[in-house]
């Protein structure tokens, strides 16, 4: 049974999710879409300001299953750098 993105449902939910992530990575690669912040010219010193700005988008944060603090947003942006 296909779940999404042409991926089959696996016996473990995590395995199914990982296949979905790999499919998205493959699509990004095939389309030539930059996948890192530095690849689109964002300087690393902009990360703290971006994190503060992200915390102001409360409509997205309130639907997140886990609480997110500015430090979490900074860590996410650093990982994407």
C-alpha atoms as a PDB file:
ATOM      1  CA  UNK A   1       0.000   0.000   0.000  1.00  0.00           C
ATOM      2  CA  UNK A   2       1.361   3.419  -0.973  1.00  0.00           C
ATOM      3  CA  UNK A   3       1.190   5.958   1.851  1.00  0.00           C
ATOM      4  CA  UNK A   4       2.629   9.129   0.338  1.00  0.00           C
ATOM      5  CA  UNK A   5       5.251  10.235  -2.161  1.00  0.00           C
ATOM      6  CA  UNK A   6       5.114   6.795  -3.740  1.00  0.00           C
ATOM      7  CA  UNK A   7       6.521   5.163  -0.604  1.00  0.00           C
ATOM      8  CA  UNK A   8       5.165   1.899   0.690  1.00  0.00           C
ATOM      9  CA  UNK A   9       4.030   1.367   4.264  1.00  0.00           C
ATOM     10  CA  UNK A  10       6.685  -0.610   6.108  1.00  0.00           C
ATOM     11  CA  UNK A  11       6.297  -2.821   9.176  1.00  0.00           C
ATOM     12  CA  UNK A  12       7.729  -0.058  11.389  1.00  0.00           C
ATOM     13  CA  UNK A  13       6.403   3.514  11.369  1.00  0.00           C
ATOM     14  CA  UNK A  14       9.933   4.884  11.692  1.00  0.00           C
ATOM     15  CA  UNK A  15      11.089   2.929   8.642  1.00  0.00           C
ATOM     16  CA  UNK A  16       8.159   4.304   6.625  1.00  0.00           C
ATOM     17  CA  UNK A  17       8.985   7.842   7.783  1.00  0.00           C
ATOM     18  CA  UNK A  18      12.663   7.438   6.889  1.00  0.00           C
ATOM     19  CA  UNK A  19      11.726   6.300   3.390  1.00  0.00           C
ATOM     20  CA  UNK A  20       9.574   9.423   3.042  1.00  0.00           C
ATOM     21  CA  UNK A  21      12.442  11.651   4.176  1.00  0.00           C
ATOM     22  CA  UNK A  22      14.792   9.998   1.701  1.00  0.00           C
ATOM     23  CA  UNK A  23      12.226  10.481  -1.076  1.00  0.00           C
ATOM     24  CA  UNK A  24      12.028  14.209  -0.286  1.00  0.00           C
ATOM     25  CA  UNK A  25      15.834  14.463  -0.231  1.00  0.00           C
ATOM     26  CA  UNK A  26      15.936  12.742  -3.601  1.00  0.00           C
ATOM     27  CA  UNK A  27      13.374  15.156  -5.051  1.00  0.00           C
ATOM     28  CA  UNK A  28      15.336  18.139  -3.728  1.00  0.00           C
ATOM     29  CA  UNK A  29      18.542  16.763  -5.230  1.00  0.00           C
ATOM     30  CA  UNK A  30      16.897  15.930  -8.575  1.00  0.00           C
ATOM     31  CA  UNK A  31      15.341  19.398  -8.834  1.00  0.00           C
ATOM     32  CA  UNK A  32      18.585  21.142  -7.882  1.00  0.00           C
ATOM     33  CA  UNK A  33      16.966  22.968  -4.966  1.00  0.00           C
ATOM     34  CA  UNK A  34      19.453  24.295  -2.385  1.00  0.00           C
ATOM     35  CA  UNK A  35      18.966  22.494   0.909  1.00  0.00           C
ATOM     36  CA  UNK A  36      21.167  24.522   3.255  1.00  0.00           C
ATOM     37  CA  UNK A  37      20.821  28.107   4.418  1.00  0.00           C
ATOM     38  CA  UNK A  38      24.376  28.915   3.326  1.00  0.00           C
ATOM     39  CA  UNK A  39      23.535  27.725  -0.185  1.00  0.00           C
ATOM     40  CA  UNK A  40      21.011  30.551  -0.535  1.00  0.00           C
ATOM     41  CA  UNK A  41      23.350  33.241   0.810  1.00  0.00           C
ATOM     42  CA  UNK A  42      22.132  33.521   4.386  1.00  0.00           C
ATOM     43  CA  UNK A  43      25.038  34.454   6.663  1.00  0.00           C
ATOM     44  CA  UNK A  44      25.506  32.387   9.803  1.00  0.00           C
ATOM     45  CA  UNK A  45      25.352  35.504  11.990  1.00  0.00           C
ATOM     46  CA  UNK A  46      21.715  36.003  10.864  1.00  0.00           C
ATOM     47  CA  UNK A  47      20.599  32.839  12.676  1.00  0.00           C
ATOM     48  CA  UNK A  48      19.804  34.401  16.082  1.00  0.00           C
ATOM     49  CA  UNK A  49      17.625  37.100  14.484  1.00  0.00           C
ATOM     50  CA  UNK A  50      15.877  34.501  12.331  1.00  0.00           C
ATOM     51  CA  UNK A  51      15.153  32.414  15.429  1.00  0.00           C
ATOM     52  CA  UNK A  52      13.652  35.385  17.265  1.00  0.00           C
ATOM     53  CA  UNK A  53      11.519  36.203  14.210  1.00  0.00           C
ATOM     54  CA  UNK A  54      10.364  32.577  13.964  1.00  0.00           C
ATOM     55  CA  UNK A  55       9.152  32.684  17.561  1.00  0.00           C
ATOM     56  CA  UNK A  56       6.745  35.470  16.592  1.00  0.00           C
ATOM     57  CA  UNK A  57       4.838  33.184  14.214  1.00  0.00           C
ATOM     58  CA  UNK A  58       2.656  31.816  16.973  1.00  0.00           C
ATOM     59  CA  UNK A  59       0.018  30.273  14.692  1.00  0.00           C
ATOM     60  CA  UNK A  60       2.624  27.711  13.651  1.00  0.00           C
ATOM     61  CA  UNK A  61       4.141  27.226  17.099  1.00  0.00           C
ATOM     62  CA  UNK A  62       0.847  26.549  18.860  1.00  0.00           C
ATOM     63  CA  UNK A  63       0.191  23.604  16.510  1.00  0.00           C
ATOM     64  CA  UNK A  64       3.627  22.100  17.107  1.00  0.00           C
ATOM     65  CA  UNK A  65       3.413  18.950  19.272  1.00  0.00           C
ATOM     66  CA  UNK A  66       6.466  20.018  21.304  1.00  0.00           C
ATOM     67  CA  UNK A  67       7.260  23.382  22.864  1.00  0.00           C
ATOM     68  CA  UNK A  68       9.898  25.374  20.990  1.00  0.00           C
ATOM     69  CA  UNK A  69      12.131  27.984  22.625  1.00  0.00           C
ATOM     70  CA  UNK A  70      14.443  30.457  20.892  1.00  0.00           C
ATOM     71  CA  UNK A  71      17.378  28.161  21.701  1.00  0.00           C
ATOM     72  CA  UNK A  72      15.588  25.308  19.924  1.00  0.00           C
ATOM     73  CA  UNK A  73      14.998  27.477  16.856  1.00  0.00           C
ATOM     74  CA  UNK A  74      18.660  28.497  16.835  1.00  0.00           C
ATOM     75  CA  UNK A  75      19.688  24.828  16.971  1.00  0.00           C
ATOM     76  CA  UNK A  76      17.346  23.999  14.092  1.00  0.00           C
ATOM     77  CA  UNK A  77      18.726  26.840  11.964  1.00  0.00           C
ATOM     78  CA  UNK A  78      22.313  25.861  12.801  1.00  0.00           C
ATOM     79  CA  UNK A  79      21.582  22.302  11.707  1.00  0.00           C
ATOM     80  CA  UNK A  80      20.164  23.675   8.448  1.00  0.00           C
ATOM     81  CA  UNK A  81      23.220  25.828   7.874  1.00  0.00           C
END
